[in-house]
């Protein structure tokens, strides 16, 4: 777990957080964690793994297809592009 310190929080914002936390029956710190998580990880966010799996299903790929691709795939890391 990480620790986060927020400096120079206006008193009215802190007061509103305390009130909101009390309404939800939790500490101000727990309320801030909930607000941050809901903001940066909303439930309707695009999840790349799920999106790629759905794309594969729509394309009709099977587990056998994926195994075949894995066997022929170059295991060496790609070289970065030289844009100069």
Protein backbone atom coordinates (compact mmCIF):
# COMPACT_ATOMS: atom_id res chain seq x y z
CA UNK A 1 0.00 0.00 0.00
CA UNK A 2 1.13 3.52 -0.76
CA UNK A 3 0.82 6.58 1.42
CA UNK A 4 -0.45 9.87 0.05
CA UNK A 5 -0.28 13.26 1.73
CA UNK A 6 -2.49 16.10 0.50
CA UNK A 7 -1.26 19.55 1.47
CA UNK A 8 -3.05 22.89 1.36
CA UNK A 9 -6.53 21.35 1.31
CA UNK A 10 -9.04 24.14 1.84
CA UNK A 11 -10.86 23.86 5.16
CA UNK A 12 -14.27 23.82 3.46
CA UNK A 13 -13.22 20.82 1.34
CA UNK A 14 -11.95 19.00 4.42
CA UNK A 15 -15.20 19.77 6.23
CA UNK A 16 -17.25 18.48 3.28
CA UNK A 17 -15.17 15.28 3.24
CA UNK A 18 -15.79 14.75 6.96
CA UNK A 19 -19.53 15.25 6.48
CA UNK A 20 -19.62 12.91 3.48
CA UNK A 21 -17.64 10.28 5.40
CA UNK A 22 -20.02 10.52 8.35
CA UNK A 23 -22.99 10.08 6.00
CA UNK A 24 -21.40 6.86 4.71
CA UNK A 25 -20.42 5.69 8.21
CA UNK A 26 -16.68 5.64 7.66
CA UNK A 27 -13.55 7.63 8.41
CA UNK A 28 -12.51 10.62 6.33
CA UNK A 29 -9.49 8.65 5.16
CA UNK A 30 -11.68 5.74 4.00
CA UNK A 31 -13.96 8.20 2.23
CA UNK A 32 -11.03 9.75 0.36
CA UNK A 33 -9.82 6.26 -0.68
CA UNK A 34 -13.29 5.44 -1.99
CA UNK A 35 -13.54 8.71 -3.94
CA UNK A 36 -10.09 8.22 -5.48
CA UNK A 37 -10.73 4.61 -6.47
CA UNK A 38 -14.14 5.39 -7.97
CA UNK A 39 -12.56 8.22 -9.96
CA UNK A 40 -9.52 6.46 -11.36
CA UNK A 41 -11.05 2.97 -11.67
CA UNK A 42 -14.71 3.43 -12.61
CA UNK A 43 -16.68 0.19 -12.98
CA UNK A 44 -17.48 0.94 -16.64
CA UNK A 45 -13.85 1.50 -17.68
CA UNK A 46 -12.42 -0.31 -20.68
CA UNK A 47 -10.54 -3.40 -19.54
CA UNK A 48 -7.98 -4.30 -22.18
CA UNK A 49 -7.94 -8.05 -21.52
CA UNK A 50 -11.72 -8.32 -21.76
CA UNK A 51 -11.77 -6.17 -24.92
CA UNK A 52 -9.07 -8.31 -26.59
CA UNK A 53 -10.82 -11.56 -25.63
CA UNK A 54 -14.08 -10.25 -27.11
CA UNK A 55 -12.26 -9.23 -30.30
CA UNK A 56 -10.82 -12.74 -30.59
CA UNK A 57 -14.27 -14.29 -30.09
CA UNK A 58 -15.78 -12.06 -32.75
CA UNK A 59 -12.98 -13.00 -35.14
CA UNK A 60 -13.66 -16.67 -34.45
CA UNK A 61 -10.26 -17.46 -32.92
CA UNK A 62 -10.00 -20.67 -30.93
CA UNK A 63 -7.58 -21.76 -28.23
CA UNK A 64 -5.82 -23.81 -30.90
CA UNK A 65 -5.33 -20.71 -33.03
CA UNK A 66 -3.80 -18.87 -30.09
CA UNK A 67 -1.48 -21.80 -29.31
CA UNK A 68 -0.30 -21.86 -32.94
CA UNK A 69 0.38 -18.12 -32.88
CA UNK A 70 2.31 -18.50 -29.62
CA UNK A 71 4.52 -21.21 -31.15
CA UNK A 72 5.57 -19.10 -34.14
CA UNK A 73 5.79 -15.78 -32.32
CA UNK A 74 9.25 -14.30 -32.02
CA UNK A 75 10.11 -14.38 -28.30
CA UNK A 76 12.76 -11.68 -28.64
CA UNK A 77 11.76 -8.22 -27.48
CA UNK A 78 11.07 -5.77 -30.30
CA UNK A 79 13.66 -3.13 -31.00
CA UNK A 80 12.47 0.45 -30.54
CA UNK A 81 11.99 2.53 -33.69
CA UNK A 82 14.75 4.92 -34.65
CA UNK A 83 12.89 8.09 -35.63
CA UNK A 84 15.95 10.16 -36.43
